[in-house]
Amino acid sequence: MGQRIRIGIAGYGNLGRGVEAAIAQNPDTAVAGVFTRRDPASVRTLGAQVHRLDAIDACADAIDVLVLCGGSKSDLPEQGPALAARFNTVDSFDTHARIPEYFDAVDRAARANDRTAVIAVGWDPGLFSLARTYGESVLADGATYTFWGRGVSQGHSDAIRRVPGVRAGVQYTVPVPQAIERVRSGGRPALSTREKHTRECYVVLEEGADAAAVERAIVTMPDYFADYDTTVRFVDAETLRREHSAMPHGGFVLRTGKTGHDTTQVLEFALRLQSNPEFTASVLVAYARAAFRLAQRRDFGAHTVFDIAPALLSPKSPAELRAQLL
């Protein structure tokens, strides 16, 4: 094995911790350091050295690829282009509607400075995006369906916690089994938002809060819950901590279509994850390997999962892949 790929971690929340753990499972990678906006003395890692994010340029020569672990709402729109001008980067930007403009901003910064960036890496966008593309490419006459869950939605959970009277809360997105089976049967049903998913909310109330008012505020919330059949269950803080502190997720991508003489075909890709951030982090590390290889080829600018050959993700050589996996 040659020199290990030195990966810096920008941000050390759940995703950053997952990246450090994933690097430990990949012998061709090493942690180049954790970079945080917090006081480095307050951050406990699995062993990586911690530095202030605003001092990262001093460590530039020790970083081959920087994995950005900030949030898509406010962190990455600013950090992505700024850091892609100085480092090879990988991120998990997941605001689907804004990916084109984010790609353009990162691409300009990376290309102007001979850097390689891979954006929107994870399982959706990411692996699910590839599954949708494979399905539509192979089954030209068909329909594509994506189901998410059963899993914790961090954005919807945050929305619950902002409701007056809510002390804490967790929301699960749950696919409707009957809808999945209608697709798996080979049909092409026209499914409404309400028919595809339900939402389950577990809420701890503030003392003296009106449970009925809180429930009404949640189930009628536009853009989050109003278009779904939503169940609100009130629990105590200990129950929420004991039973709902993990972050499972997953889902399905299905493409159903016809080939040849009216033959029904169904393609399905599924994930069942006990830890959303740990799995996403593992995808990021695989794409950090690809980013490093692209940079070595001087293939600069921004890339997405659509642009990257699977062989670039693997630590195996092309000969090993042909012999062992083809």
Protein backbone atom coordinates (compact mmCIF):
# COMPACT_ATOMS: atom_id res chain seq x y z
CA MET A 1 0.00 0.00 0.00
CA GLY A 2 1.26 3.49 -0.87
CA GLN A 3 1.01 6.61 1.20
CA ARG A 4 -2.33 6.94 2.95
CA ILE A 5 -4.83 9.59 1.88
CA ARG A 6 -4.81 12.32 4.52
CA ILE A 7 -8.38 13.42 5.23
CA GLY A 8 -9.26 16.56 7.17
CA ILE A 9 -12.65 16.80 8.90
CA ALA A 10 -14.32 20.23 8.91
CA GLY A 11 -16.97 20.15 11.62
CA TYR A 12 -17.36 17.60 14.40
CA GLY A 13 -21.01 16.88 15.02
CA ASN A 14 -22.63 13.50 14.37
CA LEU A 15 -21.39 13.44 10.78
CA GLY A 16 -17.83 14.48 11.65
CA ARG A 17 -17.62 11.79 14.32
CA GLY A 18 -18.84 9.28 11.76
CA VAL A 19 -16.14 10.33 9.30
CA GLU A 20 -13.41 9.83 11.89
CA ALA A 21 -14.77 6.34 12.66
CA ALA A 22 -15.02 5.48 8.95
CA ILE A 23 -11.44 6.52 8.31
CA ALA A 24 -10.33 4.06 10.98
CA GLN A 25 -11.97 1.26 8.96
CA ASN A 26 -10.16 2.18 5.72
CA PRO A 27 -6.45 1.33 5.90
CA ASP A 28 -5.57 3.55 2.92
CA THR A 29 -6.80 6.69 4.72
CA ALA A 30 -5.68 8.67 7.75
CA VAL A 31 -7.11 11.58 9.74
CA ALA A 32 -5.25 14.82 9.06
CA GLY A 33 -7.08 16.62 11.85
CA VAL A 34 -10.46 17.88 13.00
CA PHE A 35 -11.27 21.55 12.34
CA THR A 36 -14.03 23.20 14.36
CA ARG A 37 -15.55 26.58 15.18
CA ARG A 38 -15.76 25.49 18.81
CA ASP A 39 -12.98 25.76 21.37
CA PRO A 40 -10.67 22.87 20.41
CA ALA A 41 -10.12 22.09 24.09
CA SER A 42 -13.84 21.30 24.42
CA VAL A 43 -13.91 18.71 21.60
CA ARG A 44 -13.29 15.03 22.37
CA THR A 45 -12.38 12.87 19.36
CA LEU A 46 -11.41 9.24 18.83
CA GLY A 47 -7.80 10.38 18.70
CA ALA A 48 -7.61 13.05 16.02
CA GLN A 49 -5.97 16.36 16.79
CA VAL A 50 -8.39 19.29 16.96
CA HIS A 51 -7.73 22.73 15.47
CA ARG A 52 -9.69 25.90 14.99
CA LEU A 53 -11.41 26.04 11.60
CA ASP A 54 -10.22 29.60 11.01
CA ALA A 55 -6.61 28.35 11.29
CA ILE A 56 -7.00 25.56 8.74
CA ASP A 57 -4.77 27.18 6.11
CA ALA A 58 -1.76 26.54 8.33
CA CYS A 59 -2.41 22.79 7.91
CA ALA A 60 -2.99 22.86 4.14
CA ASP A 61 0.17 20.87 3.31
CA ALA A 62 -1.00 18.02 5.58
CA ILE A 63 -4.46 17.62 3.98
CA ASP A 64 -5.13 15.72 0.75
CA VAL A 65 -8.94 15.95 0.94
CA LEU A 66 -11.13 17.95 3.29
CA VAL A 67 -14.52 16.45 4.19
CA LEU A 68 -17.05 19.18 4.98
CA CYS A 69 -19.45 18.12 7.74
CA GLY A 70 -21.46 21.30 8.17
CA GLY A 71 -25.17 21.69 7.56
CA SER A 72 -26.74 22.38 4.18
CA LYS A 73 -28.97 25.21 5.37
CA SER A 74 -26.37 27.79 6.36
CA ASP A 75 -22.89 26.21 6.67
CA LEU A 76 -22.17 24.64 3.29
CA PRO A 77 -23.46 27.44 1.02
CA GLU A 78 -20.70 29.61 2.50
CA GLN A 79 -18.05 27.03 3.40
CA GLY A 80 -18.32 24.93 0.24
CA PRO A 81 -17.04 27.48 -2.29
CA ALA A 82 -14.64 29.11 0.19
CA LEU A 83 -12.91 25.85 1.12
CA ALA A 84 -13.03 24.40 -2.41
CA ALA A 85 -10.81 27.32 -3.46
CA ARG A 86 -8.10 26.10 -1.06
CA PHE A 87 -8.56 22.32 -0.69
CA ASN A 88 -9.84 19.27 -2.48
CA THR A 89 -13.23 18.77 -0.84
CA VAL A 90 -16.16 16.38 -0.41
CA ASP A 91 -19.49 17.40 1.11
CA SER A 92 -23.01 16.11 1.74
CA PHE A 93 -25.03 19.13 0.57
CA ASP A 94 -28.59 17.81 0.47
CA THR A 95 -30.92 20.69 -0.35
CA HIS A 96 -32.05 19.10 -3.63
CA ALA A 97 -33.60 22.20 -5.18
CA ARG A 98 -30.42 24.25 -4.68
CA ILE A 99 -27.89 21.70 -5.93
CA PRO A 100 -27.47 23.30 -9.40
CA GLU A 101 -26.59 26.73 -8.00
CA TYR A 102 -24.40 25.21 -5.29
CA PHE A 103 -22.57 23.12 -7.90
CA ASP A 104 -21.88 26.22 -9.99
CA ALA A 105 -20.48 28.17 -7.03
CA VAL A 106 -18.20 25.33 -5.92
CA ASP A 107 -17.15 24.59 -9.50
CA ARG A 108 -16.05 28.18 -10.11
CA ALA A 109 -14.00 28.26 -6.91
CA ALA A 110 -12.37 24.85 -7.42
CA ARG A 111 -11.63 25.24 -11.12
CA ALA A 112 -10.05 28.67 -10.66
CA ASN A 113 -7.64 27.26 -8.08
CA ASP A 114 -6.85 23.80 -9.51
CA ARG A 115 -8.83 21.97 -6.86
CA THR A 116 -11.23 19.02 -7.04
CA ALA A 117 -14.59 19.05 -5.25
CA VAL A 118 -17.27 16.36 -4.98
CA ILE A 119 -20.63 17.72 -3.83
CA ALA A 120 -23.95 16.24 -2.62
CA VAL A 121 -22.47 12.92 -1.49
CA GLY A 122 -24.47 10.59 0.74
CA TRP A 123 -27.36 8.23 0.20
CA ASP A 124 -29.94 10.78 -0.96
CA PRO A 125 -28.63 12.67 -2.78
CA GLY A 126 -25.91 10.17 -3.64
CA LEU A 127 -26.51 6.44 -3.81
CA PHE A 128 -30.26 6.89 -4.35
CA SER A 129 -29.47 9.33 -7.17
CA LEU A 130 -27.42 6.63 -8.87
CA ALA A 131 -30.20 4.07 -8.38
CA ARG A 132 -32.70 6.43 -10.00
CA THR A 133 -30.31 7.02 -12.90
CA TYR A 134 -29.61 3.31 -13.45
CA GLY A 135 -33.32 2.56 -13.37
CA GLU A 136 -34.30 5.28 -15.84
CA SER A 137 -31.40 4.43 -18.15
CA VAL A 138 -32.17 0.70 -18.30
CA LEU A 139 -35.98 0.82 -18.19
CA ALA A 140 -36.78 3.59 -20.66
CA ASP A 141 -40.51 2.86 -20.49
CA GLY A 142 -41.26 3.13 -16.78
CA ALA A 143 -41.81 5.17 -13.64
CA THR A 144 -39.50 5.89 -10.68
CA TYR A 145 -40.54 6.00 -7.02
CA THR A 146 -38.52 6.96 -3.94
CA PHE A 147 -39.65 6.09 -0.41
CA TRP A 148 -37.81 7.29 2.71
CA GLY A 149 -37.80 5.67 6.14
CA ARG A 150 -38.67 4.38 8.59
CA GLY A 151 -36.25 6.90 9.96
CA VAL A 152 -35.61 10.09 11.92
CA SER A 153 -35.89 13.30 9.91
CA GLN A 154 -33.62 15.85 11.55
CA GLY A 155 -35.25 18.81 9.77
CA HIS A 156 -38.78 17.79 10.76
CA SER A 157 -37.65 17.02 14.30
CA ASP A 158 -36.21 20.52 14.52
CA ALA A 159 -39.53 21.92 13.28
CA ILE A 160 -41.36 20.10 16.10
CA ARG A 161 -38.99 21.51 18.70
CA ARG A 162 -39.78 25.06 17.53
CA VAL A 163 -43.49 24.70 18.32
CA PRO A 164 -44.43 26.67 21.48
CA GLY A 165 -44.94 24.30 24.38
CA VAL A 166 -42.55 21.62 23.07
CA ARG A 167 -39.56 20.80 25.25
CA ALA A 168 -38.14 18.06 23.01
CA GLY A 169 -39.27 15.99 20.06
CA VAL A 170 -38.35 13.47 17.39
CA GLN A 171 -40.11 12.82 14.08
CA TYR A 172 -40.05 9.61 12.03
CA THR A 173 -40.82 9.46 8.32
CA VAL A 174 -42.62 6.18 7.58
CA PRO A 175 -43.29 4.78 4.10
CA VAL A 176 -46.79 3.38 3.56
CA PRO A 177 -46.39 -0.41 3.04
CA GLN A 178 -49.40 -0.64 0.73
CA ALA A 179 -47.90 2.01 -1.56
CA ILE A 180 -44.59 0.16 -1.78
CA GLU A 181 -46.34 -3.10 -2.59
CA ARG A 182 -48.41 -1.45 -5.33
CA VAL A 183 -45.14 -0.39 -6.99
CA ARG A 184 -43.38 -3.71 -6.39
CA SER A 185 -46.25 -5.49 -8.09
CA GLY A 186 -45.18 -3.86 -11.33
CA GLY A 187 -47.83 -1.18 -11.57
CA ARG A 188 -47.31 2.51 -12.07
CA PRO A 189 -49.70 4.04 -9.52
CA ALA A 190 -50.11 7.80 -9.31
CA LEU A 191 -49.36 8.29 -5.61
CA SER A 192 -50.04 11.49 -3.71
CA THR A 193 -47.73 12.75 -0.97
CA ARG A 194 -50.19 11.51 1.66
CA GLU A 195 -50.38 8.06 0.05
CA LYS A 196 -46.60 7.51 0.07
CA HIS A 197 -45.55 8.44 3.63
CA THR A 198 -46.89 9.04 7.11
CA ARG A 199 -45.23 10.96 9.94
CA GLU A 200 -44.89 9.91 13.58
CA CYS A 201 -43.99 12.52 16.20
CA TYR A 202 -42.82 11.82 19.76
CA VAL A 203 -43.07 14.95 21.86
CA VAL A 204 -42.08 16.00 25.38
CA LEU A 205 -44.20 18.93 26.56
CA GLU A 206 -43.08 21.94 28.53
CA GLU A 207 -44.67 22.05 31.97
CA GLY A 208 -48.18 23.43 31.71
CA ALA A 209 -48.32 23.25 27.92
CA ASP A 210 -51.64 22.57 26.20
CA ALA A 211 -51.26 19.16 24.53
CA ALA A 212 -54.19 19.70 22.18
CA ALA A 213 -52.81 23.04 21.00
CA VAL A 214 -49.37 21.55 20.42
CA GLU A 215 -50.80 18.63 18.46
CA ARG A 216 -52.90 20.98 16.33
CA ALA A 217 -49.87 23.21 15.61
CA ILE A 218 -47.84 20.21 14.48
CA VAL A 219 -50.36 18.41 12.26
CA THR A 220 -51.37 21.63 10.46
CA MET A 221 -47.82 22.92 9.93
CA PRO A 222 -47.40 23.88 6.24
CA ASP A 223 -44.53 22.30 4.25
CA TYR A 224 -43.80 19.81 7.05
CA PHE A 225 -46.90 17.96 8.25
CA ALA A 226 -50.08 19.37 6.73
CA ASP A 227 -49.85 17.17 3.62
CA TYR A 228 -49.34 13.93 5.58
CA ASP A 229 -51.29 11.72 7.95
CA THR A 230 -49.43 12.71 11.11
CA THR A 231 -49.59 11.03 14.53
CA VAL A 232 -48.42 12.89 17.65
CA ARG A 233 -47.56 10.85 20.75
CA PHE A 234 -46.69 12.57 24.01
CA VAL A 235 -43.97 10.92 26.10
CA ASP A 236 -41.78 11.84 29.05
CA ALA A 237 -38.18 12.93 28.67
CA GLU A 238 -36.75 9.62 29.87
CA THR A 239 -38.80 7.64 27.34
CA LEU A 240 -37.66 9.94 24.54
CA ARG A 241 -34.02 9.53 25.57
CA ARG A 242 -34.27 5.76 26.04
CA GLU A 243 -36.32 4.85 22.98
CA HIS A 244 -35.74 7.63 20.46
CA SER A 245 -32.13 8.82 20.77
CA ALA A 246 -30.76 6.73 17.87
CA MET A 247 -30.79 8.03 14.30
CA PRO A 248 -31.99 5.18 12.06
CA HIS A 249 -33.06 5.80 8.49
CA GLY A 250 -33.18 4.25 5.04
CA GLY A 251 -35.60 3.79 2.21
CA PHE A 252 -36.23 2.43 -1.25
CA VAL A 253 -35.80 3.47 -4.87
CA LEU A 254 -37.95 1.51 -7.29
CA ARG A 255 -38.22 1.68 -11.06
CA THR A 256 -41.01 -0.29 -12.63
CA GLY A 257 -41.29 -0.58 -16.39
CA LYS A 258 -41.86 -2.60 -19.52
CA THR A 259 -39.38 -4.21 -21.89
CA GLY A 260 -39.72 -6.11 -25.14
CA HIS A 261 -43.13 -7.69 -25.59
CA ASP A 262 -44.94 -5.92 -22.74
CA THR A 263 -42.81 -7.66 -20.08
CA THR A 264 -42.97 -6.19 -16.57
CA GLN A 265 -39.62 -5.47 -14.86
CA VAL A 266 -38.92 -4.01 -11.40
CA LEU A 267 -35.60 -2.61 -10.22
CA GLU A 268 -35.22 -1.95 -6.48
CA PHE A 269 -32.46 -0.45 -4.33
CA ALA A 270 -32.97 -0.44 -0.55
CA LEU A 271 -31.16 0.75 2.56
CA ARG A 272 -31.87 -0.08 6.22
CA LEU A 273 -29.63 2.03 8.44
CA GLN A 274 -29.20 1.93 12.19
CA SER A 275 -27.22 5.18 12.02
CA ASN A 276 -27.87 7.69 9.28
CA PRO A 277 -24.81 9.88 10.04
CA GLU A 278 -22.41 6.93 10.31
CA PHE A 279 -23.53 5.51 6.98
CA THR A 280 -23.41 8.92 5.28
CA ALA A 281 -19.91 9.38 6.68
CA SER A 282 -18.82 6.06 5.17
CA VAL A 283 -20.07 7.21 1.76
CA LEU A 284 -18.15 10.48 2.18
CA VAL A 285 -14.90 8.66 2.89
CA ALA A 286 -15.29 6.50 -0.23
CA TYR A 287 -15.81 9.62 -2.31
CA ALA A 288 -12.86 11.32 -0.60
CA ARG A 289 -10.77 8.51 -2.09
CA ALA A 290 -12.24 9.31 -5.49
CA ALA A 291 -11.61 13.05 -5.05
CA PHE A 292 -7.96 12.36 -4.24
CA ARG A 293 -7.56 10.25 -7.38
CA LEU A 294 -9.29 12.82 -9.56
CA ALA A 295 -7.03 15.56 -8.18
CA GLN A 296 -3.98 13.44 -8.99
CA ARG A 297 -5.23 13.30 -12.58
CA ARG A 298 -5.71 17.08 -12.52
CA ASP A 299 -9.42 16.62 -13.09
CA PHE A 300 -10.32 19.85 -11.34
CA GLY A 301 -13.65 21.53 -10.67
CA ALA A 302 -16.85 20.27 -9.08
CA HIS A 303 -18.19 16.75 -9.59
CA THR A 304 -21.25 14.79 -8.48
CA VAL A 305 -21.81 11.07 -8.07
CA PHE A 306 -22.92 10.96 -11.71
CA ASP A 307 -19.41 11.90 -12.88
CA ILE A 308 -17.38 9.37 -10.88
CA ALA A 309 -16.64 5.82 -11.99
CA PRO A 310 -17.28 3.18 -9.30
CA ALA A 311 -13.68 1.97 -9.51
CA LEU A 312 -12.50 5.30 -8.10
CA LEU A 313 -14.40 4.62 -4.88
CA SER A 314 -12.73 1.32 -4.11
CA PRO A 315 -9.37 0.72 -2.42
CA LYS A 316 -8.98 -2.30 -4.72
CA SER A 317 -7.00 -2.01 -7.94
CA PRO A 318 -8.79 -2.35 -11.31
CA ALA A 319 -7.27 -5.83 -11.68
CA GLU A 320 -8.56 -6.85 -8.24
CA LEU A 321 -12.03 -5.52 -9.05
CA ARG A 322 -12.14 -7.49 -12.29
CA ALA A 323 -11.00 -10.68 -10.59
CA GLN A 324 -13.05 -10.41 -7.39
CA LEU A 325 -16.22 -8.42 -8.07
CA LEU A 326 -16.95 -8.51 -11.79
